[in-house]
């Protein structure tokens, strides 16, 4: 059984085990946004230098500056640390958080580049991209609290430390535990099912569009 990574957990839950298996067997290809984010990560946290265009490198340098200033004031930490562990149910796991404090009880941070760093934009990104699942996995890996650092990809390159509240953390943990259950089941049975049958119902948009309003005649 391969160790479960948060990135694969997201595919298991948001698509299907079949999609996850396909992703595991397909060479990874970065999008332009991923290329930029990877280079920002390298500028801040180190490790092997990723490939990037000159334009991406120039842009990444501007984005990384506020992050470098922020992390310079933090307690001792290690960047891009690979953590392997096996949970109580025998599921092997692996995580690569961006910043882990040397004092493990302090947890760490994970950096996210974003075009929209408004409150609504950050919340939407956390839920859409499964960042709450990552936080749960990283907290299990380190035993400490994990937070997110959102950095804006255009001027003024706003940096926003983000803490997930109890409800959002609980949802992240629920999904991470469910992903581990599915992962173990798929490996033990050798079955990686797709999404399965579907019964379509009207969308919320259509339901709202079809609402009729009765207007009483004024006397």
Protein backbone atom coordinates (compact mmCIF):
# COMPACT_ATOMS: atom_id res chain seq x y z
CA UNK A 1 0.00 0.00 0.00
CA UNK A 2 1.41 3.36 -1.01
CA UNK A 3 1.26 6.16 1.56
CA UNK A 4 -1.76 8.45 1.21
CA UNK A 5 -0.93 12.06 0.43
CA UNK A 6 -3.36 14.98 0.99
CA UNK A 7 -3.35 15.68 -2.77
CA UNK A 8 -4.58 12.14 -3.47
CA UNK A 9 -7.10 12.38 -0.63
CA UNK A 10 -8.68 15.38 -2.36
CA UNK A 11 -9.10 13.44 -5.61
CA UNK A 12 -10.56 10.44 -3.77
CA UNK A 13 -13.23 12.62 -2.20
CA UNK A 14 -13.91 15.28 -4.82
CA UNK A 15 -13.81 12.93 -7.83
CA UNK A 16 -13.54 9.18 -7.22
CA UNK A 17 -11.09 6.38 -6.39
CA UNK A 18 -10.87 5.66 -10.14
CA UNK A 19 -9.74 9.24 -10.80
CA UNK A 20 -7.22 9.00 -7.96
CA UNK A 21 -5.74 5.78 -9.36
CA UNK A 22 -5.45 7.42 -12.79
CA UNK A 23 -3.72 10.45 -11.27
CA UNK A 24 -1.25 8.19 -9.46
CA UNK A 25 -0.37 6.48 -12.74
CA UNK A 26 -0.18 9.64 -14.90
CA UNK A 27 2.97 11.79 -15.08
CA UNK A 28 2.33 15.02 -13.20
CA UNK A 29 2.09 18.17 -15.30
CA UNK A 30 2.11 21.62 -13.71
CA UNK A 31 -0.25 24.39 -14.72
CA UNK A 32 1.05 27.97 -15.00
CA UNK A 33 -0.39 28.73 -11.56
CA UNK A 34 1.34 25.67 -10.06
CA UNK A 35 4.61 26.65 -11.74
CA UNK A 36 4.43 30.08 -10.12
CA UNK A 37 3.47 28.67 -6.72
CA UNK A 38 6.25 26.08 -6.82
CA UNK A 39 8.87 28.72 -7.54
CA UNK A 40 7.58 30.96 -4.74
CA UNK A 41 7.80 27.94 -2.40
CA UNK A 42 11.40 27.33 -3.47
CA UNK A 43 12.41 30.98 -2.93
CA UNK A 44 11.01 30.90 0.60
CA UNK A 45 11.50 27.34 1.82
CA UNK A 46 14.38 25.97 -0.27
CA UNK A 47 14.83 22.47 -1.66
CA UNK A 48 15.54 21.53 -5.30
CA UNK A 49 14.95 24.46 -7.67
CA UNK A 50 11.88 23.78 -9.85
CA UNK A 51 11.72 24.59 -13.55
CA UNK A 52 10.07 27.91 -14.38
CA UNK A 53 10.04 30.49 -17.15
CA UNK A 54 11.95 33.74 -16.70
CA UNK A 55 8.65 35.61 -16.49
CA UNK A 56 7.44 33.29 -13.71
CA UNK A 57 10.72 33.70 -11.82
CA UNK A 58 10.51 37.50 -11.97
CA UNK A 59 6.92 37.47 -10.76
CA UNK A 60 7.67 34.89 -8.05
CA UNK A 61 10.44 37.08 -6.64
CA UNK A 62 7.97 39.89 -5.93
CA UNK A 63 5.44 37.52 -4.38
CA UNK A 64 8.03 35.82 -2.17
CA UNK A 65 9.37 39.00 -0.53
CA UNK A 66 6.50 39.54 2.00
CA UNK A 67 6.60 35.83 2.86
CA UNK A 68 10.35 35.89 3.47
CA UNK A 69 9.90 38.87 5.78
CA UNK A 70 7.16 37.07 7.70
CA UNK A 71 9.00 33.76 8.20
CA UNK A 72 12.20 35.55 9.25
CA UNK A 73 10.50 36.48 12.53
CA UNK A 74 9.26 32.97 13.32
CA UNK A 75 10.86 30.46 15.74
CA UNK A 76 13.30 27.93 14.23
CA UNK A 77 11.73 25.93 11.43
CA UNK A 78 12.45 23.47 8.62
CA UNK A 79 11.14 23.99 5.09
CA UNK A 80 9.49 21.41 2.82
CA UNK A 81 9.87 18.60 5.32
CA UNK A 82 8.79 15.11 4.20
CA UNK A 83 6.90 13.32 6.98
CA UNK A 84 5.95 9.64 6.81
CA UNK A 85 3.75 7.94 9.38
CA UNK A 86 1.25 5.11 9.82
CA UNK A 87 -2.04 5.81 11.56
CA UNK A 88 -3.73 3.63 14.19
CA UNK A 89 -5.62 1.70 11.50
CA UNK A 90 -2.45 0.77 9.65
CA UNK A 91 -2.83 3.32 6.85
CA UNK A 92 0.54 4.69 5.67
CA UNK A 93 0.53 8.45 5.08
CA UNK A 94 2.92 11.05 3.72
CA UNK A 95 2.91 14.85 3.84
CA UNK A 96 5.16 17.67 2.62
CA UNK A 97 4.17 20.81 4.56
CA UNK A 98 5.95 24.02 3.59
CA UNK A 99 7.08 25.04 7.08
CA UNK A 100 7.35 22.87 10.20
CA UNK A 101 8.61 24.36 13.45
CA UNK A 102 11.55 22.54 15.00
CA UNK A 103 9.44 22.42 18.15
CA UNK A 104 6.84 20.00 16.73
CA UNK A 105 4.18 21.06 19.23
CA UNK A 106 4.03 24.43 17.45
CA UNK A 107 2.92 22.81 14.17
CA UNK A 108 3.63 24.97 11.16
CA UNK A 109 2.36 26.83 8.10
CA UNK A 110 1.50 25.99 4.50
CA UNK A 111 1.77 28.67 1.84
CA UNK A 112 -0.97 29.32 -0.75
CA UNK A 113 -0.72 31.74 -3.65
CA UNK A 114 -4.05 33.31 -4.57
CA UNK A 115 -5.45 35.97 -6.87
CA UNK A 116 -8.18 36.79 -4.34
CA UNK A 117 -7.16 37.22 -0.70
CA UNK A 118 -10.45 38.66 0.51
CA UNK A 119 -12.19 36.87 3.39
CA UNK A 120 -14.69 35.32 0.97
CA UNK A 121 -11.97 34.43 -1.55
CA UNK A 122 -9.87 32.65 1.06
CA UNK A 123 -12.84 30.72 2.46
CA UNK A 124 -13.87 29.70 -1.06
CA UNK A 125 -10.33 28.50 -1.86
CA UNK A 126 -10.11 26.46 1.35
CA UNK A 127 -13.34 24.65 0.57
CA UNK A 128 -12.86 24.33 -3.20
CA UNK A 129 -9.27 23.09 -3.11
CA UNK A 130 -9.51 21.03 0.08
CA UNK A 131 -6.97 23.03 2.08
CA UNK A 132 -8.85 22.00 5.24
CA UNK A 133 -8.00 18.37 4.38
CA UNK A 134 -4.32 19.35 4.13
CA UNK A 135 -4.44 21.07 7.51
CA UNK A 136 -5.89 17.93 9.11
CA UNK A 137 -3.21 15.73 7.52
CA UNK A 138 -0.40 18.07 8.57
CA UNK A 139 -1.71 18.26 12.12
CA UNK A 140 -1.80 14.47 12.30
CA UNK A 141 1.74 14.36 10.91
CA UNK A 142 3.23 16.91 13.32
CA UNK A 143 0.98 16.73 16.37
CA UNK A 144 0.77 20.53 16.39
CA UNK A 145 -1.61 23.21 15.07
CA UNK A 146 -1.34 24.14 11.40
CA UNK A 147 -2.21 27.42 9.73
CA UNK A 148 -2.24 28.70 6.17
CA UNK A 149 -0.39 31.66 4.67
CA UNK A 150 -2.22 33.24 1.74
CA UNK A 151 -0.12 35.51 -0.47
CA UNK A 152 -1.68 37.66 -3.19
CA UNK A 153 -0.18 37.12 -6.65
CA UNK A 154 -0.53 40.77 -7.74
CA UNK A 155 0.40 44.09 -6.14
CA UNK A 156 0.28 44.93 -3.29
CA UNK A 157 1.13 41.23 -2.62
CA UNK A 158 -0.94 41.08 0.54
CA UNK A 159 0.08 38.35 2.99
CA UNK A 160 -2.64 36.93 5.25
CA UNK A 161 -2.02 34.32 7.97
CA UNK A 162 -5.18 32.20 8.22
CA UNK A 163 -6.36 30.04 11.11
CA UNK A 164 -9.19 27.58 10.55
CA UNK A 165 -11.89 27.77 13.22
CA UNK A 166 -13.13 24.69 15.09
CA UNK A 167 -15.95 23.96 12.63
CA UNK A 168 -13.70 24.21 9.57
CA UNK A 169 -11.02 22.07 11.19
CA UNK A 170 -13.62 19.47 12.15
CA UNK A 171 -14.78 19.24 8.53
CA UNK A 172 -11.19 18.89 7.35
CA UNK A 173 -10.59 16.07 9.81
CA UNK A 174 -13.85 14.36 8.81
CA UNK A 175 -12.78 14.35 5.18
CA UNK A 176 -9.21 13.25 5.92
CA UNK A 177 -10.45 10.31 8.00
CA UNK A 178 -12.92 9.34 5.27
CA UNK A 179 -10.18 9.50 2.63
CA UNK A 180 -8.01 7.16 4.71
CA UNK A 181 -10.91 4.73 5.07
CA UNK A 182 -11.52 4.68 1.30
CA UNK A 183 -7.78 4.42 0.57
CA UNK A 184 -7.39 1.36 2.79
CA UNK A 185 -10.49 -0.27 1.32
CA UNK A 186 -9.31 0.28 -2.27
CA UNK A 187 -5.91 -1.25 -1.61
CA UNK A 188 -7.32 -4.21 0.30
CA UNK A 189 -10.01 -5.04 -2.28
CA UNK A 190 -8.12 -3.99 -5.40
CA UNK A 191 -11.24 -2.07 -6.48
CA UNK A 192 -11.08 1.62 -7.41
CA UNK A 193 -14.68 2.54 -8.31
CA UNK A 194 -15.81 5.59 -10.26
CA UNK A 195 -18.61 7.97 -9.34
CA UNK A 196 -21.39 5.47 -10.12
CA UNK A 197 -25.04 6.03 -10.98
CA UNK A 198 -26.60 9.46 -10.71
CA UNK A 199 -30.18 10.73 -10.55
CA UNK A 200 -30.28 14.36 -11.70
CA UNK A 201 -32.51 16.89 -9.96
CA UNK A 202 -33.07 20.60 -10.71
CA UNK A 203 -30.21 22.84 -9.64
CA UNK A 204 -30.67 25.54 -7.04
CA UNK A 205 -30.36 28.07 -9.85
CA UNK A 206 -33.21 26.51 -11.83
CA UNK A 207 -35.36 26.14 -8.72
CA UNK A 208 -34.85 29.80 -7.88
CA UNK A 209 -35.49 30.86 -11.48
CA UNK A 210 -38.84 29.05 -11.55
CA UNK A 211 -40.21 30.69 -8.39
CA UNK A 212 -43.40 32.62 -9.10
CA UNK A 213 -44.42 35.58 -6.99
CA UNK A 214 -48.13 36.19 -6.42
CA UNK A 215 -48.92 39.90 -6.38
CA UNK A 216 -52.16 40.91 -4.73
CA UNK A 217 -53.95 43.86 -6.25
CA UNK A 218 -53.79 46.92 -4.06
CA UNK A 219 -57.11 48.37 -2.97
